[in-house]
C-alpha atoms as a PDB file:
ATOM      1  CA  MET A   1      23.412  37.313  -5.221  1.00  0.00           C
ATOM      2  CA  PHE A   2      21.015  34.523  -6.098  1.00  0.00           C
ATOM      3  CA  LEU A   3      19.700  33.878  -2.578  1.00  0.00           C
ATOM      4  CA  GLY A   4      18.977  37.567  -2.074  1.00  0.00           C
ATOM      5  CA  ALA A   5      16.319  37.431  -4.781  1.00  0.00           C
ATOM      6  CA  LEU A   6      14.407  34.634  -3.045  1.00  0.00           C
ATOM      7  CA  THR A   7      11.572  35.153  -0.618  1.00  0.00           C
ATOM      8  CA  PRO A   8      11.439  33.167   2.630  1.00  0.00           C
ATOM      9  CA  GLN A   9       8.697  31.046   1.060  1.00  0.00           C
ATOM     10  CA  ASP A  10      10.955  30.217  -1.885  1.00  0.00           C
ATOM     11  CA  ILE A  11      13.794  29.231   0.435  1.00  0.00           C
ATOM     12  CA  ALA A  12      11.439  27.074   2.514  1.00  0.00           C
ATOM     13  CA  PHE A  13      10.220  25.380  -0.667  1.00  0.00           C
ATOM     14  CA  LEU A  14      13.764  24.639  -1.841  1.00  0.00           C
ATOM     15  CA  ILE A  15      14.778  23.252   1.544  1.00  0.00           C
ATOM     16  CA  GLY A  16      11.604  21.152   1.739  1.00  0.00           C
ATOM     17  CA  ALA A  17      12.150  19.794  -1.758  1.00  0.00           C
ATOM     18  CA  ALA A  18      15.765  18.903  -0.939  1.00  0.00           C
ATOM     19  CA  VAL A  19      14.695  17.145   2.267  1.00  0.00           C
ATOM     20  CA  GLY A  20      12.003  15.250   0.351  1.00  0.00           C
ATOM     21  CA  VAL A  21      14.452  14.062  -2.292  1.00  0.00           C
ATOM     22  CA  GLY A  22      16.983  13.139   0.398  1.00  0.00           C
ATOM     23  CA  THR A  23      14.369  11.129   2.281  1.00  0.00           C
ATOM     24  CA  PHE A  24      13.392   9.291  -0.888  1.00  0.00           C
ATOM     25  CA  LEU A  25      17.016   8.395  -1.640  1.00  0.00           C
ATOM     26  CA  VAL A  26      17.751   7.168   1.895  1.00  0.00           C
ATOM     27  CA  ASN A  27      14.590   5.041   1.931  1.00  0.00           C
ATOM     28  CA  TRP A  28      15.399   3.625  -1.500  1.00  0.00           C
ATOM     29  CA  TYR A  29      18.961   2.774  -0.471  1.00  0.00           C
ATOM     30  CA  TYR A  30      18.023   0.953   2.722  1.00  0.00           C
ATOM     31  CA  ARG A  31      15.009  -0.815   1.171  1.00  0.00           C
ATOM     32  CA  ARG A  32      17.262  -2.092  -1.604  1.00  0.00           C
ATOM     33  CA  LYS A  33      19.944  -3.075   0.891  1.00  0.00           C
ATOM     34  CA  SER A  34      17.483  -5.018   3.067  1.00  0.00           C
ATOM     35  CA  TYR A  35      15.969  -6.708   0.009  1.00  0.00           C
ATOM     36  CA  ARG A  36      19.382  -7.867  -1.169  1.00  0.00           C
ATOM     37  CA  LEU A  37      20.231  -9.150   2.304  1.00  0.00           C
ATOM     38  CA  LEU A  38      16.978 -11.096   2.535  1.00  0.00           C
ATOM     39  CA  GLU A  39      17.447 -12.349  -1.012  1.00  0.00           C
ATOM     40  CA  ARG A  40      20.843 -13.682  -0.018  1.00  0.00           C
ATOM     41  CA  VAL A  41      19.323 -15.763   2.786  1.00  0.00           C
ATOM     42  CA  THR A  42      16.666 -16.970   0.300  1.00  0.00           C
ATOM     43  CA  LEU A  43      13.441 -15.770   1.879  1.00  0.00           C
ATOM     44  CA  ASP A  44      10.359 -15.896  -0.287  1.00  0.00           C
ATOM     45  CA  LYS A  45       8.483 -12.725  -1.262  1.00  0.00           C
ATOM     46  CA  ARG A  46       5.641 -13.312   1.211  1.00  0.00           C
ATOM     47  CA  THR A  47       8.014 -13.535   4.179  1.00  0.00           C
ATOM     48  CA  PHE A  48       9.902 -10.472   2.952  1.00  0.00           C
ATOM     49  CA  ASP A  49       6.667  -8.479   2.731  1.00  0.00           C
ATOM     50  CA  GLU A  50       5.639  -9.563   6.238  1.00  0.00           C
ATOM     51  CA  LEU A  51       8.982  -8.426   7.650  1.00  0.00           C
ATOM     52  CA  ASN A  52       8.793  -5.074   5.834  1.00  0.00           C
ATOM     53  CA  ARG A  53       5.382  -3.976   7.058  1.00  0.00           C
END
């Protein structure tokens, strides 16, 4: 079995890496979604940056 050959440190690394990638994807999705929403209501870049601090 593949998981039987892994040490607890290896498993922790794999879980941490998966959580990191998941966090990146969720942040990217919602940042893109909010940018498109603000773009639709025609806010300029400066106002968008102030709202996203």
